[in-house]
Amino acid sequence: MSSPTGGWFVILLALVCANLPFINQRLFAVVPLRWSRKPLWLRLVELICLYLAAGLAGFAVEASLGNAFPLGWQFYAITACMMLVFAFPGFTWQYLVKHRTA
């Protein structure tokens, strides 16, 4: 995988992972829950887990291209904020758009 392809893969993966907790009512889109709607705290826990998964995928892509660089707290703060920005469309769809109840 080339460097630009790997970068775009990680960005698209982070975008999907950020919106996944908000677009469905299952845990990690697989496990059905007893609630009719997932509570916000569970969505945030799921978002943190998917942030770690996207980060591990990014680290794997970086390691496959060559030496992995040491990362400081600034990197993690920026990527966590970027994950929250990526999650905004899903959050908006789930909590701010009025849905009809049939």
Protein backbone atom coordinates (compact mmCIF):
# COMPACT_ATOMS: atom_id res chain seq x y z
CA MET A 1 0.00 0.00 0.00
CA SER A 2 1.46 3.35 -0.97
CA SER A 3 1.70 6.29 1.40
CA PRO A 4 -1.19 8.37 -0.03
CA THR A 5 -3.43 5.30 -0.33
CA GLY A 6 -2.71 4.31 3.27
CA GLY A 7 -3.44 7.82 4.50
CA TRP A 8 -6.78 7.99 2.70
CA PHE A 9 -7.65 4.51 3.97
CA VAL A 10 -7.07 5.55 7.58
CA ILE A 11 -9.06 8.78 7.15
CA LEU A 12 -12.03 6.97 5.57
CA LEU A 13 -11.85 4.27 8.25
CA ALA A 14 -11.92 6.93 10.98
CA LEU A 15 -14.91 8.61 9.30
CA VAL A 16 -16.85 5.33 9.22
CA CYS A 17 -15.82 4.41 12.78
CA ALA A 18 -16.85 7.84 14.09
CA ASN A 19 -20.37 7.60 12.65
CA LEU A 20 -21.01 3.91 13.29
CA PRO A 21 -22.21 4.32 16.92
CA PHE A 22 -24.80 6.88 15.87
CA ILE A 23 -26.35 5.30 12.78
CA ASN A 24 -27.53 2.03 14.35
CA GLN A 25 -28.99 0.71 17.57
CA ARG A 26 -26.70 -2.31 17.94
CA LEU A 27 -23.45 -2.58 19.87
CA PHE A 28 -20.61 -2.27 17.34
CA ALA A 29 -23.27 -2.75 14.62
CA VAL A 30 -23.46 -6.47 15.47
CA VAL A 31 -24.78 -7.24 18.96
CA PRO A 32 -28.48 -6.51 19.57
CA LEU A 33 -29.27 -4.68 22.80
CA ARG A 34 -32.21 -4.85 25.18
CA TRP A 35 -32.91 -1.12 24.78
CA SER A 36 -34.95 0.21 21.88
CA ARG A 37 -32.44 3.10 21.62
CA LYS A 38 -28.82 3.02 22.71
CA PRO A 39 -28.06 5.44 25.55
CA LEU A 40 -25.56 8.23 24.90
CA TRP A 41 -22.99 6.86 27.35
CA LEU A 42 -22.88 3.56 25.43
CA ARG A 43 -22.44 5.42 22.15
CA LEU A 44 -19.51 7.34 23.63
CA VAL A 45 -17.88 4.16 24.95
CA GLU A 46 -18.33 2.63 21.52
CA LEU A 47 -16.82 5.75 19.93
CA ILE A 48 -13.74 5.50 22.16
CA CYS A 49 -13.27 1.81 21.29
CA LEU A 50 -13.61 2.54 17.58
CA TYR A 51 -11.15 5.45 17.96
CA LEU A 52 -8.62 2.98 19.34
CA ALA A 53 -9.34 0.53 16.50
CA ALA A 54 -8.84 3.23 13.86
CA GLY A 55 -5.64 4.29 15.62
CA LEU A 56 -4.31 0.74 15.60
CA ALA A 57 -5.11 0.46 11.89
CA GLY A 58 -3.28 3.73 11.29
CA PHE A 59 -0.28 2.48 13.25
CA ALA A 60 -0.31 -0.77 11.23
CA VAL A 61 -0.36 1.17 7.95
CA GLU A 62 2.49 3.39 9.15
CA ALA A 63 4.53 0.39 10.29
CA SER A 64 4.03 -1.34 6.94
CA LEU A 65 5.40 1.70 5.11
CA GLY A 66 8.55 1.95 7.24
CA ASN A 67 9.59 3.07 10.69
CA ALA A 68 6.82 4.22 13.00
CA PHE A 69 7.46 7.65 14.50
CA PRO A 70 7.14 8.31 18.24
CA LEU A 71 3.93 10.18 19.04
CA GLY A 72 3.33 12.61 21.89
CA TRP A 73 0.17 13.61 23.70
CA GLN A 74 -0.45 16.35 21.12
CA PHE A 75 -1.04 13.76 18.40
CA TYR A 76 -3.63 11.92 20.48
CA ALA A 77 -5.38 15.16 21.48
CA ILE A 78 -5.63 16.25 17.84
CA THR A 79 -6.83 12.87 16.56
CA ALA A 80 -9.42 12.60 19.36
CA CYS A 81 -10.77 16.03 18.40
CA MET A 82 -10.73 15.01 14.74
CA MET A 83 -12.72 11.89 15.64
CA LEU A 84 -15.33 14.06 17.38
CA VAL A 85 -15.56 16.29 14.32
CA PHE A 86 -15.96 13.22 12.10
CA ALA A 87 -18.75 11.99 14.42
CA PHE A 88 -20.79 15.19 14.05
CA PRO A 89 -22.89 14.02 11.04
CA GLY A 90 -23.94 10.85 12.87
CA PHE A 91 -24.65 12.74 16.09
CA THR A 92 -26.71 15.27 14.15
CA TRP A 93 -28.69 12.51 12.46
CA GLN A 94 -29.36 10.68 15.72
CA TYR A 95 -30.14 13.56 18.08
CA LEU A 96 -30.87 16.74 16.16
CA VAL A 97 -32.93 15.56 13.17
CA LYS A 98 -36.58 14.97 13.95
CA HIS A 99 -37.54 11.40 13.10
CA ARG A 100 -41.10 10.28 12.55
CA THR A 101 -42.39 7.59 14.82
CA ALA A 102 -44.70 5.27 12.93
